[in-house]
Amino acid sequence: MELQSLGYVGISTDRLDDWSQFATKLLGMQVVECSKTLISLRMDDRKQRLMVDRDSKNTCSYFGWEVQDAAALERMAAHLEACGVAITREPQRLATQRCVEELISFSDPAGNRLEIFHGAAVADTPFLPGRCISGFRTGPLGVGHVVLTCEKIEQVMPFYQDVLGFRLSDYTLAPFKAYFFHINSRHHSLAMIETGKNGVHHLMVELFSFDDVGQGYDLALGESERVAVTLGRHTNDLMTSFYAKTPSNFMMEYGWGGRDIDPQTWEPFECDYGPSLWGHDRSWLTPEQRAKARELRLGAAEKGYRAPVQVLPGNHNLMRGVCPWWDAATENRS
C-alpha cells in the first residue's frame, strides 16, 4: 500500500473572511498565510494542512495523498499510467505552493482532483491554535478523512480500491448507502455516500480532547444554522462528533475518540444497525431518511449495542466500580 495518509486538502470559497473566522475561532486552526486570495492553515507541525482559495465554486478543490518518498511517488505514477490514468507531473512552482518536494495530479472517475506527493515541509515554529484546544490527532494518520458524494458508488469505488489501493473497512445500506475505506490505522480516511450527485459531503478533523469537541459544539450552537448534524457517536469508527456547515457549503465533522484498526488483519462488515449509536440528527437527510435513522438508533439502543470509549494515555482516569451488578457483568465480559 503506497498511499499513507490524507496529507492536505485544498478548499475553494467566495467567503474567504468567513473561512478565516470559522477555521480559527471554531475549529482552532492557525492561519499562517493570509491574502486577498488565499488562506493557509496549520493543524500541527506541518507548514500547512488546509489551503483555502478565493473561488466561486465553494467546494474541496483537491486532495493531497501522501507517499513515503520519491521512489514511492514514481511507482505510483508508473502504476497509474499502466492503468490508463492520465497524470500530470506538476512543476516545482506548484510543489512550492503546496509546501512539498514533488507531486503528481489526476482525476478520479467522479471528477475530483487528486494529488499524490512526498516530502511535506515541517514548520520551524510551534503550532499556535486559533482558540484554546489540546490539538489535532494527525501525524501518520493524516488530516482526518474525507467523505465524497457519488451519483453511483459502483462507478467510483473500483478506482479507489483497485487502482489506488484503498481497503474496505465497512459499509451501511440504511438510511443511506455508504462505504468506508482505510489506508492506515485510522478506521477510514475516505468514504463515499450515494446521493445521486458527485461532490464533497464532509471533511473530518479529530481532536485530542473530548472537551475540545464539546466546547466547539457550544460555539457552533451560538451561530445561526451552523450545526448541520447534532452531537452523536458513530457505530463504525466510534467517533463522538458533530458536523458544522463550512463557508463553502460542505460540512466539517469535528470529532474525538476515533478507533484504531490493524490494516493487515481488519475484516470488513456490514454495519446493519445504522451509522450512529446515538445523536447525529442529520439535517441534510429527507424527512423519511431522518425517521429511518432515528428508528435504527432506537433499535440499536433497545438491543443494547455499546462500544468502549477510545482514549489515549493520559486522556482518562479509571474509576472504581461501585455497583455489584455492574462489577459482575463486566467481570463476565472479560
Foldseek 3Di string as FASTA:
>chain_A
DFFQEFAAWEWEFQCVVQQVCCCFVQVFWDFPDDDPFWTFTDFWQFPGHYIYGYDHQLATQEIETEGEDPVSQVVLVVLCVVVVFDKAFDDVVVCVVQQARTKMWGAFQQGHIYIYGYHTHTDPDGTGTSDDAPGWDDPSHHQAAWEKEDLDCVRGVCCCCVRVNWDWQEWEPPPWTKTFTPDFFFSGRYMYTYDNHTGTAEAEIEGQAPVSQVVSLVVQVVDPQQWQWWFFAFDRQRWTWTWGQHSSGHIYTYTYQGGTDDVVPRDYYYPHLAGTLDGGQGNPDDPVRSVGRVVSNVVCVVVPDDDDGHHDVVRDDDDDDDDPVVVVVVVVVD
